[in-house]
C-alpha atoms as a PDB file:
ATOM      1  CA  MET A   1     125.520 127.823  76.313  1.00  0.00           C
ATOM      2  CA  ALA A   2     124.146 126.498  73.019  1.00  0.00           C
ATOM      3  CA  ALA A   3     123.086 123.270  74.724  1.00  0.00           C
ATOM      4  CA  LEU A   4     121.063 125.257  77.250  1.00  0.00           C
ATOM      5  CA  ILE A   5     119.292 127.161  74.483  1.00  0.00           C
ATOM      6  CA  VAL A   6     118.528 123.902  72.674  1.00  0.00           C
ATOM      7  CA  LEU A   7     117.191 122.395  75.914  1.00  0.00           C
ATOM      8  CA  PHE A   8     114.850 125.330  76.536  1.00  0.00           C
ATOM      9  CA  ALA A   9     113.720 125.333  72.893  1.00  0.00           C
ATOM     10  CA  ALA A  10     112.929 121.609  73.072  1.00  0.00           C
ATOM     11  CA  LEU A  11     111.037 122.125  76.322  1.00  0.00           C
ATOM     12  CA  ALA A  12     109.028 124.952  74.734  1.00  0.00           C
ATOM     13  CA  VAL A  13     108.156 122.731  71.763  1.00  0.00           C
ATOM     14  CA  VAL A  14     106.983 119.922  74.049  1.00  0.00           C
ATOM     15  CA  VAL A  15     104.866 122.271  76.182  1.00  0.00           C
ATOM     16  CA  THR A  16     103.340 123.899  73.098  1.00  0.00           C
ATOM     17  CA  GLY A  17     102.593 120.508  71.565  1.00  0.00           C
ATOM     18  CA  LEU A  18     100.867 119.305  74.725  1.00  0.00           C
ATOM     19  CA  ALA A  19      98.825 122.499  74.969  1.00  0.00           C
ATOM     20  CA  VAL A  20      97.660 122.170  71.360  1.00  0.00           C
ATOM     21  CA  TYR A  21      96.830 118.484  71.836  1.00  0.00           C
ATOM     22  CA  LEU A  22      94.811 119.102  75.006  1.00  0.00           C
ATOM     23  CA  HIS A  23      93.017 122.067  73.464  1.00  0.00           C
ATOM     24  CA  ARG A  24      91.991 120.085  70.378  1.00  0.00           C
ATOM     25  CA  ARG A  25      90.904 117.090  72.429  1.00  0.00           C
ATOM     26  CA  GLY A  26      88.565 119.302  74.457  1.00  0.00           C
ATOM     27  CA  ASN A  27      85.423 118.165  76.209  1.00  0.00           C
ATOM     28  CA  GLY A  28      83.553 116.962  73.170  1.00  0.00           C
ATOM     29  CA  PRO A  29      80.389 114.912  73.359  1.00  0.00           C
ATOM     30  CA  THR A  30      80.632 111.212  74.042  1.00  0.00           C
ATOM     31  CA  GLU A  31      79.905 108.907  71.137  1.00  0.00           C
ATOM     32  CA  ASN A  32      77.840 106.157  72.758  1.00  0.00           C
ATOM     33  CA  LEU A  33      75.544 105.403  75.690  1.00  0.00           C
ATOM     34  CA  ASP A  34      78.319 103.802  77.757  1.00  0.00           C
ATOM     35  CA  GLY A  35      80.289 107.030  77.607  1.00  0.00           C
ATOM     36  CA  VAL A  36      77.264 109.090  78.647  1.00  0.00           C
ATOM     37  CA  LEU A  37      76.548 106.802  81.604  1.00  0.00           C
ATOM     38  CA  ALA A  38      80.188 106.851  82.710  1.00  0.00           C
ATOM     39  CA  GLU A  39      80.219 110.640  82.470  1.00  0.00           C
ATOM     40  CA  GLN A  40      77.017 110.947  84.530  1.00  0.00           C
ATOM     41  CA  GLU A  41      78.433 108.623  87.197  1.00  0.00           C
ATOM     42  CA  ARG A  42      81.656 110.615  87.371  1.00  0.00           C
ATOM     43  CA  LEU A  43      79.755 113.893  87.707  1.00  0.00           C
ATOM     44  CA  ALA A  44      77.567 112.433  90.471  1.00  0.00           C
ATOM     45  CA  ARG A  45      80.669 111.353  92.403  1.00  0.00           C
ATOM     46  CA  VAL A  46      82.229 114.796  91.969  1.00  0.00           C
ATOM     47  CA  ARG A  47      79.039 116.506  93.227  1.00  0.00           C
ATOM     48  CA  ALA A  48      78.934 114.200  96.255  1.00  0.00           C
ATOM     49  CA  LEU A  49      82.581 114.901  97.075  1.00  0.00           C
ATOM     50  CA  ARG A  50      82.074 118.638  96.736  1.00  0.00           C
ATOM     51  CA  SER A  51      79.102 118.611  99.091  1.00  0.00           C
ATOM     52  CA  CYS A  52      80.638 116.373 101.754  1.00  0.00           C
ATOM     53  CA  CYS A  53      83.972 118.205 101.800  1.00  0.00           C
ATOM     54  CA  SER A  54      82.761 121.781 101.443  1.00  0.00           C
ATOM     55  CA  SER A  55      83.738 124.496 103.875  1.00  0.00           C
ATOM     56  CA  VAL A  56      80.236 124.555 105.364  1.00  0.00           C
ATOM     57  CA  ALA A  57      80.251 120.792 105.888  1.00  0.00           C
ATOM     58  CA  MET A  58      83.670 120.868 107.541  1.00  0.00           C
ATOM     59  CA  HIS A  59      82.937 123.776 109.883  1.00  0.00           C
ATOM     60  CA  SER A  60      79.478 122.647 110.998  1.00  0.00           C
ATOM     61  CA  THR A  61      80.467 119.199 112.244  1.00  0.00           C
ATOM     62  CA  HIS A  62      80.251 118.203 115.890  1.00  0.00           C
ATOM     63  CA  GLY A  63      83.663 116.612 115.964  1.00  0.00           C
ATOM     64  CA  LEU A  64      86.679 117.592 117.971  1.00  0.00           C
ATOM     65  CA  THR A  65      86.909 121.382 118.015  1.00  0.00           C
ATOM     66  CA  THR A  66      89.406 123.773 119.519  1.00  0.00           C
ATOM     67  CA  ASP A  67      86.914 124.695 122.283  1.00  0.00           C
ATOM     68  CA  GLU A  68      86.672 121.049 123.329  1.00  0.00           C
ATOM     69  CA  LEU A  69      90.456 120.757 123.297  1.00  0.00           C
ATOM     70  CA  ALA A  70      90.821 123.826 125.502  1.00  0.00           C
ATOM     71  CA  GLY A  71      88.348 122.403 128.006  1.00  0.00           C
ATOM     72  CA  ARG A  72      90.170 119.076 128.248  1.00  0.00           C
ATOM     73  CA  ARG A  73      93.559 120.604 128.932  1.00  0.00           C
ATOM     74  CA  ARG A  74      92.449 122.179 132.191  1.00  0.00           C
END
């Protein structure tokens, strides 16, 4: 029973330590031009992925739809 309590206490310490580390690290400004350019490139890729895989983009395609499948089964 004591070992279980120690295990959960150790797990709580690790989780708390990670949370504090990630919170302190934050999304601070980059320190040089290379970091700014890398950040802009990453954001551009994220925007492109969000637009090409959005719900509107997926539901307005002319690909294989359930109506076309129903027509082919007959």
